[in-house]
């Protein structure tokens, strides 16, 4: 029984340990299993523990067990390798530019390399018993289908945060079963993911109208890059990007997701002119330079990395304080992977600020919206756009206060927490000034003031009374 292979791993979180048991039990029912768990909750650590269990079982039962881990980017391969080393699992790497050692029973491979016709002999000699695929929402690609044909008898596990396809086709042709973890909101409530403040453009903003007017799409159904550059990479919209960063995230460490290298260059230039320490990383950035930038970013020596899809999957930097979305997309996968980069909790980080400068939540809902992943797995799902309202999250309507008269200004859609009633926290001068503006000039209702300042009504009313008396 495969469920007997699973061991207790005290280094795992309780939900990871439970997931491991469910995965091994599922292998008793079928060969091809998909596992879903949100970005930032430790999927790589989980399957590294699974690999360790399989290796231990093989040694105890004198079995020559061979395991293949598949990823589609070198950054993911490096991350997997580091996790295996933590478990003292010796392994080889099969990827371009890496020295191979096929003597190890565990191999981490690039899907592009291992399925290339020039490596057929290598593949044939592996005799793999288990295949684990990272970011398994890519498994519909032909290269992954080749793996299934190469090793028809291997037990297979695909892990992903987002089992979703652009054409809503599902994954039933590849995996027989999906195991679904807790919701993002449950992880936030338990403290395994960070709460967030979500700012967005208005539904009737000029930027949203420009996005809605785009009619050119690529073969996968997403917006064409050329069309996005034409509509979004403009002086006005880039100014709005910078303005919202200065208002809501200035001085914080974050990631901006851009349209293209050209768009990244334009963003970098304007942010640098405003005194921001920002760098660009993309697929053409030399590996050593990319590594240096990431190390400096993690140490706080760089404020912002602007990138094109590079840090949508697998990038691990828990103390990211804000995410800025500057690239429209039709992909739920890209949206959740991108915002998920900021939801890893860390010491001293109260929440993450998400700046949705292109209104993605209008299409996909908020990060913690409820999603029926089983239906997505089966195919032909309806994408829900309702907002989650559990836990300590406050949900605000789009009528909420603008911070200027223009319709392109950002609005607070969700605030991460409220100050408890018995807590007394001093009001900074800038908050007092904003409170006065929102109350007297914008006439914002009380629930909006609560959401903006994260204080209870009594505290706000008391401060408003003090401001009025002082006049």
Protein backbone atom coordinates (compact mmCIF):
# COMPACT_ATOMS: atom_id res chain seq x y z
CA UNK A 1 0.00 0.00 0.00
CA UNK A 2 1.41 3.38 -0.99
CA UNK A 3 -0.16 5.04 2.03
CA UNK A 4 2.22 3.02 4.20
CA UNK A 5 5.21 4.83 2.64
CA UNK A 6 4.19 8.15 4.21
CA UNK A 7 6.09 9.01 7.39
CA UNK A 8 5.60 11.72 9.98
CA UNK A 9 7.83 14.68 9.16
CA UNK A 10 8.05 17.04 12.11
CA UNK A 11 9.56 19.77 9.92
CA UNK A 12 6.32 20.04 7.94
CA UNK A 13 3.38 22.20 8.87
CA UNK A 14 0.24 20.27 9.91
CA UNK A 15 -1.53 20.91 6.60
CA UNK A 16 1.53 19.73 4.64
CA UNK A 17 1.70 16.51 6.65
CA UNK A 18 -2.00 15.91 6.00
CA UNK A 19 -1.54 16.61 2.30
CA UNK A 20 1.28 14.08 2.12
CA UNK A 21 -0.92 11.35 3.59
CA UNK A 22 -3.68 12.17 1.10
CA UNK A 23 -1.29 12.03 -1.86
CA UNK A 24 0.13 8.60 -0.94
CA UNK A 25 -3.40 7.29 -0.31
CA UNK A 26 -4.50 8.61 -3.71
CA UNK A 27 -1.72 6.59 -5.36
CA UNK A 28 -3.43 3.49 -4.01
CA UNK A 29 -6.44 4.43 -6.14
CA UNK A 30 -4.81 5.68 -9.35
CA UNK A 31 -1.47 6.48 -11.00
CA UNK A 32 -1.84 10.16 -11.96
CA UNK A 33 -2.66 12.63 -9.18
CA UNK A 34 -2.83 16.43 -9.22
CA UNK A 35 -2.43 18.39 -5.99
CA UNK A 36 -3.55 22.02 -5.55
CA UNK A 37 -2.29 24.34 -2.81
CA UNK A 38 -1.99 28.17 -2.88
CA UNK A 39 1.17 30.03 -3.82
CA UNK A 40 3.42 30.54 -0.82
CA UNK A 41 2.24 27.59 1.26
CA UNK A 42 5.19 25.27 0.63
CA UNK A 43 4.52 22.88 -2.25
CA UNK A 44 8.22 22.35 -2.98
CA UNK A 45 8.92 21.52 0.66
CA UNK A 46 5.98 19.11 0.62
CA UNK A 47 7.09 17.08 -2.38
CA UNK A 48 10.70 17.08 -1.15
CA UNK A 49 9.40 15.31 1.97
CA UNK A 50 7.47 12.88 -0.25
CA UNK A 51 10.68 12.09 -2.14
CA UNK A 52 12.54 11.55 1.13
CA UNK A 53 9.83 9.10 2.26
CA UNK A 54 10.01 7.16 -1.01
CA UNK A 55 13.79 6.92 -0.81
CA UNK A 56 13.66 5.73 2.81
CA UNK A 57 11.03 3.11 1.93
CA UNK A 58 13.22 1.90 -0.94
CA UNK A 59 16.23 1.45 1.33
CA UNK A 60 14.19 -0.34 4.00
CA UNK A 61 12.67 -2.72 1.44
CA UNK A 62 15.79 -3.16 -0.70
CA UNK A 63 14.07 -1.57 -3.70
CA UNK A 64 15.89 0.34 -6.44
CA UNK A 65 13.48 3.28 -6.68
CA UNK A 66 14.04 6.01 -9.25
CA UNK A 67 12.38 9.42 -9.03
CA UNK A 68 12.19 12.17 -11.63
CA UNK A 69 11.24 15.76 -10.73
CA UNK A 70 10.23 17.97 -13.64
CA UNK A 71 10.20 21.77 -13.92
CA UNK A 72 10.05 24.15 -16.86
CA UNK A 73 12.43 26.90 -15.72
CA UNK A 74 15.99 26.89 -14.39
CA UNK A 75 14.94 28.98 -11.35
CA UNK A 76 12.49 26.26 -10.32
CA UNK A 77 15.11 23.55 -10.85
CA UNK A 78 17.56 25.40 -8.60
CA UNK A 79 14.88 25.87 -5.94
CA UNK A 80 13.96 22.18 -6.00
CA UNK A 81 17.63 21.21 -5.77
CA UNK A 82 18.07 23.40 -2.68
CA UNK A 83 15.06 21.79 -0.97
CA UNK A 84 16.32 18.28 -1.72
CA UNK A 85 19.67 19.18 -0.20
CA UNK A 86 17.88 20.22 3.01
CA UNK A 87 16.51 16.67 3.18
CA UNK A 88 19.97 15.29 2.34
CA UNK A 89 18.60 13.71 -0.84
CA UNK A 90 21.47 13.24 -3.27
CA UNK A 91 20.37 13.97 -6.82
CA UNK A 92 21.47 14.80 -10.33
CA UNK A 93 20.29 17.58 -12.64
CA UNK A 94 19.35 17.18 -16.29
CA UNK A 95 19.18 20.65 -17.79
CA UNK A 96 21.02 22.79 -20.29
CA UNK A 97 24.31 24.11 -18.92
CA UNK A 98 24.31 21.66 -15.98
CA UNK A 99 26.77 18.79 -15.56
CA UNK A 100 24.92 15.48 -15.49
CA UNK A 101 25.41 12.56 -13.13
CA UNK A 102 22.88 9.85 -13.89
CA UNK A 103 24.13 7.55 -11.15
CA UNK A 104 21.75 9.20 -8.66
CA UNK A 105 18.30 7.56 -8.38
CA UNK A 106 16.76 11.03 -8.00
CA UNK A 107 17.02 13.42 -10.95
CA UNK A 108 15.72 16.96 -11.33
CA UNK A 109 15.12 17.72 -15.01
CA UNK A 110 14.07 20.48 -17.32
CA UNK A 111 11.08 19.26 -19.30
CA UNK A 112 12.53 20.83 -22.43
CA UNK A 113 15.86 19.00 -22.01
CA UNK A 114 14.64 15.56 -21.02
CA UNK A 115 12.05 15.35 -23.81
CA UNK A 116 14.42 16.56 -26.52
CA UNK A 117 15.09 13.96 -29.18
CA UNK A 118 18.85 14.23 -28.61
CA UNK A 119 18.37 12.92 -25.06
CA UNK A 120 16.29 9.86 -25.93
CA UNK A 121 19.00 7.43 -24.78
CA UNK A 122 19.27 9.22 -21.43
CA UNK A 123 15.53 9.04 -20.92
CA UNK A 124 15.30 5.38 -21.88
CA UNK A 125 17.89 4.30 -19.29
CA UNK A 126 16.27 6.02 -16.31
CA UNK A 127 13.49 3.45 -15.68
CA UNK A 128 11.59 5.94 -13.57
CA UNK A 129 9.12 4.74 -10.90
CA UNK A 130 7.83 8.16 -9.79
CA UNK A 131 7.45 11.48 -11.62
CA UNK A 132 6.73 14.73 -9.77
CA UNK A 133 5.87 17.77 -11.86
CA UNK A 134 6.18 21.28 -10.44
CA UNK A 135 3.76 23.96 -11.74
CA UNK A 136 1.61 21.17 -13.17
CA UNK A 137 -0.86 23.50 -14.86
CA UNK A 138 1.65 23.37 -17.74
CA UNK A 139 1.12 19.62 -18.14
CA UNK A 140 -1.20 20.01 -21.12
CA UNK A 141 1.85 20.89 -23.27
CA UNK A 142 3.09 18.21 -25.66
CA UNK A 143 6.45 17.93 -23.91
CA UNK A 144 4.72 16.71 -20.73
CA UNK A 145 2.54 14.31 -22.67
CA UNK A 146 5.76 12.73 -23.98
CA UNK A 147 6.77 12.01 -20.39
CA UNK A 148 3.52 10.14 -19.80
CA UNK A 149 4.27 8.07 -22.92
CA UNK A 150 7.89 7.43 -21.89
CA UNK A 151 6.95 6.17 -18.42
CA UNK A 152 3.40 4.80 -18.60
CA UNK A 153 3.77 2.74 -15.42
CA UNK A 154 5.27 5.44 -13.20
CA UNK A 155 3.27 6.99 -10.38
CA UNK A 156 2.83 10.67 -11.21
CA UNK A 157 2.14 13.73 -9.06
CA UNK A 158 1.54 17.22 -10.44
CA UNK A 159 1.56 20.12 -7.97
CA UNK A 160 0.16 23.56 -8.70
CA UNK A 161 -1.51 26.53 -7.06
CA UNK A 162 -3.71 27.10 -10.08
CA UNK A 163 -5.24 24.11 -11.93
CA UNK A 164 -6.76 26.31 -14.63
CA UNK A 165 -6.51 26.45 -18.43
CA UNK A 166 -7.18 29.40 -20.67
CA UNK A 167 -9.57 27.33 -22.82
CA UNK A 168 -11.30 25.87 -19.73
CA UNK A 169 -10.40 22.39 -20.99
CA UNK A 170 -9.53 20.88 -17.64
CA UNK A 171 -6.92 18.23 -16.83
CA UNK A 172 -8.89 14.98 -16.86
CA UNK A 173 -6.99 13.71 -19.90
CA UNK A 174 -3.72 13.85 -17.94
CA UNK A 175 -4.58 13.35 -14.26
CA UNK A 176 -7.18 11.00 -12.85
CA UNK A 177 -7.78 12.80 -9.58
CA UNK A 178 -7.20 16.15 -7.90
CA UNK A 179 -6.58 16.76 -4.19
CA UNK A 180 -7.59 20.27 -3.13
CA UNK A 181 -6.13 22.02 -0.10
CA UNK A 182 -7.61 24.75 2.08
CA UNK A 183 -8.64 28.09 0.60
CA UNK A 184 -6.40 31.15 0.54
CA UNK A 185 -8.64 32.78 3.15
CA UNK A 186 -8.21 29.79 5.48
CA UNK A 187 -4.43 30.09 5.19
CA UNK A 188 -4.67 33.83 5.91
CA UNK A 189 -6.89 33.24 8.96
CA UNK A 190 -4.43 30.64 10.28
CA UNK A 191 -1.45 32.93 9.76
CA UNK A 192 0.22 30.80 7.09
CA UNK A 193 -0.35 33.54 4.50
CA UNK A 194 -0.22 37.30 5.04
CA UNK A 195 -3.33 39.51 4.89
CA UNK A 196 -3.36 42.23 2.27
CA UNK A 197 -4.59 45.71 1.40
CA UNK A 198 -5.91 45.80 -2.15
CA UNK A 199 -6.01 49.03 -4.15
CA UNK A 200 -7.46 49.22 -7.64
CA UNK A 201 -8.47 51.56 -10.40
CA UNK A 202 -12.18 52.26 -10.81
CA UNK A 203 -14.41 50.23 -13.08
CA UNK A 204 -15.16 53.36 -15.12
CA UNK A 205 -11.57 54.65 -15.28
CA UNK A 206 -9.97 55.63 -18.55
CA UNK A 207 -7.36 52.90 -18.06
CA UNK A 208 -10.06 50.24 -17.73
CA UNK A 209 -11.75 51.55 -20.86
CA UNK A 210 -8.45 51.26 -22.77
CA UNK A 211 -8.01 47.66 -21.60
CA UNK A 212 -11.59 46.76 -22.49
CA UNK A 213 -11.07 48.15 -26.00
CA UNK A 214 -8.27 45.67 -26.82
CA UNK A 215 -9.38 43.18 -29.48
CA UNK A 216 -6.08 41.50 -30.42
CA UNK A 217 -5.22 38.18 -28.72
CA UNK A 218 -2.46 35.58 -29.05
CA UNK A 219 -2.90 31.89 -29.87
CA UNK A 220 -3.49 31.04 -26.19
CA UNK A 221 -6.22 33.66 -25.84
CA UNK A 222 -4.28 36.26 -23.86
CA UNK A 223 -3.72 39.84 -24.97
CA UNK A 224 -1.13 40.38 -27.69
CA UNK A 225 1.97 42.10 -26.34
CA UNK A 226 1.95 44.62 -29.20
CA UNK A 227 -1.65 45.56 -28.42
CA UNK A 228 -0.85 45.97 -24.71
CA UNK A 229 2.15 48.16 -25.45
CA UNK A 230 0.06 50.35 -27.73
CA UNK A 231 -2.72 50.83 -25.18
CA UNK A 232 -0.98 50.61 -21.79
CA UNK A 233 2.64 51.68 -22.24
CA UNK A 234 1.79 55.38 -22.33
CA UNK A 235 3.10 58.38 -20.41
CA UNK A 236 -0.25 58.93 -18.70
CA UNK A 237 -0.69 55.35 -17.48
CA UNK A 238 2.94 55.01 -16.37
CA UNK A 239 2.53 58.24 -14.40
CA UNK A 240 -0.45 56.67 -12.66
CA UNK A 241 1.70 53.65 -11.79
CA UNK A 242 4.32 55.83 -10.16
CA UNK A 243 1.73 58.00 -8.45
CA UNK A 244 -0.01 55.04 -6.80
CA UNK A 245 3.32 53.58 -5.68
CA UNK A 246 4.30 56.89 -4.04
CA UNK A 247 0.90 57.22 -2.34
CA UNK A 248 0.52 53.71 -1.00
CA UNK A 249 3.83 51.83 -1.05
CA UNK A 250 6.70 54.31 -1.09
CA UNK A 251 9.81 52.96 0.62
CA UNK A 252 8.55 49.38 0.59
CA UNK A 253 10.16 46.40 -1.13
CA UNK A 254 8.16 45.08 -4.05
CA UNK A 255 7.74 43.58 -7.49
CA UNK A 256 6.13 45.15 -10.56
CA UNK A 257 4.77 42.91 -13.33
CA UNK A 258 5.12 44.62 -16.70
CA UNK A 259 4.08 43.95 -20.29
CA UNK A 260 7.45 43.66 -22.03
CA UNK A 261 11.14 44.59 -21.85
CA UNK A 262 10.33 47.94 -23.43
CA UNK A 263 7.59 48.59 -20.89
CA UNK A 264 9.98 47.61 -18.07
CA UNK A 265 12.60 50.05 -19.35
CA UNK A 266 10.08 52.88 -19.41
CA UNK A 267 8.91 52.08 -15.88
CA UNK A 268 12.48 51.88 -14.60
CA UNK A 269 13.38 55.22 -16.12
CA UNK A 270 10.44 57.05 -14.54
CA UNK A 271 10.81 55.42 -11.13
CA UNK A 272 14.56 56.17 -11.06
CA UNK A 273 13.88 59.79 -11.89
CA UNK A 274 11.65 59.81 -8.78
CA UNK A 275 14.55 58.49 -6.70
CA UNK A 276 13.51 54.82 -6.55
CA UNK A 277 16.17 52.10 -6.60
CA UNK A 278 14.66 49.83 -9.26
CA UNK A 279 16.05 47.18 -11.65
CA UNK A 280 14.67 45.21 -14.56
CA UNK A 281 14.89 41.42 -14.87
CA UNK A 282 13.60 39.35 -17.78
CA UNK A 283 14.39 36.19 -19.72
CA UNK A 284 17.32 37.87 -21.46
CA UNK A 285 18.99 39.06 -18.27
CA UNK A 286 22.27 37.10 -17.82
CA UNK A 287 21.97 34.44 -15.12
CA UNK A 288 24.75 35.89 -12.93
CA UNK A 289 23.28 39.39 -13.17
CA UNK A 290 19.81 38.09 -12.34
CA UNK A 291 21.16 36.20 -9.33
CA UNK A 292 23.01 39.32 -8.10
CA UNK A 293 19.89 41.48 -8.43
CA UNK A 294 17.76 38.94 -6.51
CA UNK A 295 20.34 38.66 -3.72
CA UNK A 296 20.56 42.45 -3.41
CA UNK A 297 16.76 42.68 -3.47
CA UNK A 298 16.42 40.14 -0.65
CA UNK A 299 18.98 42.10 1.39
CA UNK A 300 17.05 45.34 0.90
CA UNK A 301 19.69 46.94 -1.33
CA UNK A 302 17.22 47.17 -4.22
CA UNK A 303 13.70 48.51 -3.65
CA UNK A 304 11.83 47.17 -6.67
CA UNK A 305 12.27 44.53 -9.36
CA UNK A 306 10.21 45.08 -12.48
CA UNK A 307 9.89 41.93 -14.57
CA UNK A 308 8.03 40.15 -17.36
CA UNK A 309 6.61 36.86 -15.99
CA UNK A 310 9.96 35.85 -14.45
CA UNK A 311 8.71 35.96 -10.85
CA UNK A 312 5.20 34.67 -11.46
CA UNK A 313 6.20 31.11 -10.51
CA UNK A 314 8.63 29.80 -7.92
CA UNK A 315 10.19 33.04 -6.68
CA UNK A 316 10.62 32.90 -2.90
CA UNK A 317 11.16 36.14 -0.99
CA UNK A 318 8.80 36.29 2.02
CA UNK A 319 9.44 39.92 2.95
CA UNK A 320 7.99 41.35 -0.27
CA UNK A 321 5.85 44.24 0.96
CA UNK A 322 3.95 45.17 -2.18
CA UNK A 323 2.95 43.82 -5.57
CA UNK A 324 2.10 46.14 -8.45
CA UNK A 325 0.13 44.76 -11.40
CA UNK A 326 0.87 46.70 -14.58
CA UNK A 327 0.22 44.01 -17.19
CA UNK A 328 -3.38 43.15 -18.18
CA UNK A 329 -3.97 39.43 -18.69
CA UNK A 330 -6.77 36.98 -19.38
CA UNK A 331 -4.95 34.31 -17.36
CA UNK A 332 -6.20 33.47 -13.87
CA UNK A 333 -2.94 31.55 -13.39
CA UNK A 334 -0.79 34.63 -13.95
CA UNK A 335 -2.99 36.75 -11.71
CA UNK A 336 -2.91 34.40 -8.72
CA UNK A 337 0.76 33.52 -9.14
CA UNK A 338 1.70 37.20 -9.24
CA UNK A 339 -0.32 38.40 -6.26
CA UNK A 340 0.69 35.25 -4.37
CA UNK A 341 4.33 36.35 -4.41
CA UNK A 342 3.44 38.97 -1.80
CA UNK A 343 1.38 36.79 0.54
CA UNK A 344 4.22 34.90 2.22
CA UNK A 345 4.31 36.00 5.87
CA UNK A 346 7.51 36.94 7.64
CA UNK A 347 8.56 38.53 10.92
CA UNK A 348 7.85 42.27 10.97
CA UNK A 349 5.54 42.12 7.93
CA UNK A 350 1.97 42.98 8.93
CA UNK A 351 0.47 42.72 5.49
CA UNK A 352 1.08 43.04 1.77
CA UNK A 353 -0.06 45.94 -0.37
CA UNK A 354 -1.42 44.98 -3.78
CA UNK A 355 -1.66 47.79 -6.34
CA UNK A 356 -3.94 46.62 -9.13
CA UNK A 357 -3.33 49.34 -11.70
CA UNK A 358 -5.10 47.43 -14.46
CA UNK A 359 -8.25 46.20 -12.71
CA UNK A 360 -7.61 42.44 -12.78
CA UNK A 361 -9.91 41.80 -9.83
CA UNK A 362 -12.87 42.88 -11.97
CA UNK A 363 -12.23 39.80 -14.10
CA UNK A 364 -10.92 37.29 -11.56
CA UNK A 365 -12.13 38.41 -8.13
CA UNK A 366 -9.80 39.09 -5.22
CA UNK A 367 -6.91 36.77 -4.28
CA UNK A 368 -8.98 35.13 -1.54
CA UNK A 369 -12.19 34.78 -3.55
CA UNK A 370 -13.69 31.31 -3.39
CA UNK A 371 -12.84 29.15 -6.42
CA UNK A 372 -14.16 25.72 -7.32
CA UNK A 373 -10.88 24.04 -8.26
CA UNK A 374 -12.62 20.69 -8.75
CA UNK A 375 -14.73 22.27 -11.47
CA UNK A 376 -11.66 23.86 -13.05
CA UNK A 377 -9.98 20.44 -13.01
CA UNK A 378 -12.98 18.80 -14.63
CA UNK A 379 -13.17 21.51 -17.31
CA UNK A 380 -15.65 24.16 -18.49
CA UNK A 381 -15.76 26.11 -15.22
CA UNK A 382 -17.34 29.46 -14.56
CA UNK A 383 -14.80 31.91 -13.14
CA UNK A 384 -16.33 33.41 -9.99
CA UNK A 385 -15.85 37.11 -9.38
CA UNK A 386 -17.50 37.39 -5.96
CA UNK A 387 -15.31 38.56 -3.11
CA UNK A 388 -14.50 36.58 -0.01
CA UNK A 389 -15.63 38.22 3.21
CA UNK A 390 -14.51 35.78 5.92
CA UNK A 391 -12.00 36.33 8.68
CA UNK A 392 -10.75 39.86 9.31
CA UNK A 393 -11.13 41.07 5.74
CA UNK A 394 -13.29 44.09 5.02
CA UNK A 395 -14.95 44.13 1.61
CA UNK A 396 -15.61 47.53 0.07
CA UNK A 397 -17.73 48.48 -2.92
CA UNK A 398 -16.38 50.38 -5.93
CA UNK A 399 -18.26 53.51 -4.87
CA UNK A 400 -15.63 54.00 -2.17
CA UNK A 401 -13.71 57.18 -1.87
CA UNK A 402 -11.43 58.37 -4.62
CA UNK A 403 -8.28 60.05 -3.40
CA UNK A 404 -8.66 62.76 -6.03
CA UNK A 405 -11.31 63.97 -8.44
CA UNK A 406 -9.96 61.92 -11.37
CA UNK A 407 -11.54 58.55 -12.22
CA UNK A 408 -8.08 57.01 -12.79
CA UNK A 409 -7.17 57.28 -9.11
CA UNK A 410 -6.74 54.14 -7.00
CA UNK A 411 -9.37 53.07 -4.48
CA UNK A 412 -9.01 50.90 -1.41
CA UNK A 413 -11.00 47.75 -2.16
CA UNK A 414 -9.97 45.56 0.79
CA UNK A 415 -8.21 46.38 4.05
CA UNK A 416 -6.33 43.63 5.82
CA UNK A 417 -7.25 44.25 9.44
CA UNK A 418 -8.97 46.55 11.94
CA UNK A 419 -7.42 47.94 15.11
CA UNK A 420 -9.06 46.22 18.10
CA UNK A 421 -11.44 48.30 20.20
CA UNK A 422 -9.25 48.37 23.29
CA UNK A 423 -6.10 49.38 21.40
CA UNK A 424 -4.97 53.00 21.44
CA UNK A 425 -2.49 53.92 18.73
CA UNK A 426 -1.24 57.43 18.07
CA UNK A 427 -2.35 59.14 14.89
CA UNK A 428 0.55 60.18 12.61
CA UNK A 429 0.26 63.71 11.23
CA UNK A 430 -0.16 62.42 7.66
CA UNK A 431 -3.11 60.24 8.79
CA UNK A 432 -4.75 63.19 10.50
CA UNK A 433 -4.43 65.25 7.34
CA UNK A 434 -5.88 62.43 5.24
CA UNK A 435 -8.71 61.85 7.73
CA UNK A 436 -9.69 65.49 7.53
CA UNK A 437 -9.64 65.44 3.72
CA UNK A 438 -11.65 62.24 3.38
CA UNK A 439 -14.22 63.33 5.95
CA UNK A 440 -14.71 67.00 5.16
CA UNK A 441 -13.94 67.21 1.43
CA UNK A 442 -14.76 63.73 0.15
CA UNK A 443 -17.57 63.01 2.62
CA UNK A 444 -16.55 59.35 2.87
CA UNK A 445 -18.87 57.18 5.00
CA UNK A 446 -17.65 55.69 8.28
CA UNK A 447 -17.10 52.18 6.92
CA UNK A 448 -14.64 53.61 4.40
CA UNK A 449 -12.73 55.50 7.10
CA UNK A 450 -12.56 52.27 9.12
CA UNK A 451 -11.18 50.43 6.09
CA UNK A 452 -8.62 53.11 5.26
CA UNK A 453 -7.23 53.67 8.76
CA UNK A 454 -7.85 50.17 10.22
CA UNK A 455 -9.32 51.66 13.41
CA UNK A 456 -12.63 51.19 15.15
CA UNK A 457 -15.46 53.70 14.72
CA UNK A 458 -15.18 55.09 18.25
CA UNK A 459 -11.51 55.99 17.75
CA UNK A 460 -12.26 57.69 14.43
CA UNK A 461 -15.25 59.64 15.74
CA UNK A 462 -13.22 60.80 18.73
CA UNK A 463 -10.41 62.03 16.48
CA UNK A 464 -12.85 63.80 14.14
CA UNK A 465 -14.36 65.56 17.14
CA UNK A 466 -10.90 66.66 18.29
CA UNK A 467 -10.11 68.01 14.79
CA UNK A 468 -13.41 69.95 14.72
CA UNK A 469 -12.85 71.37 18.22
CA UNK A 470 -9.34 72.48 17.31
CA UNK A 471 -10.73 74.67 14.55
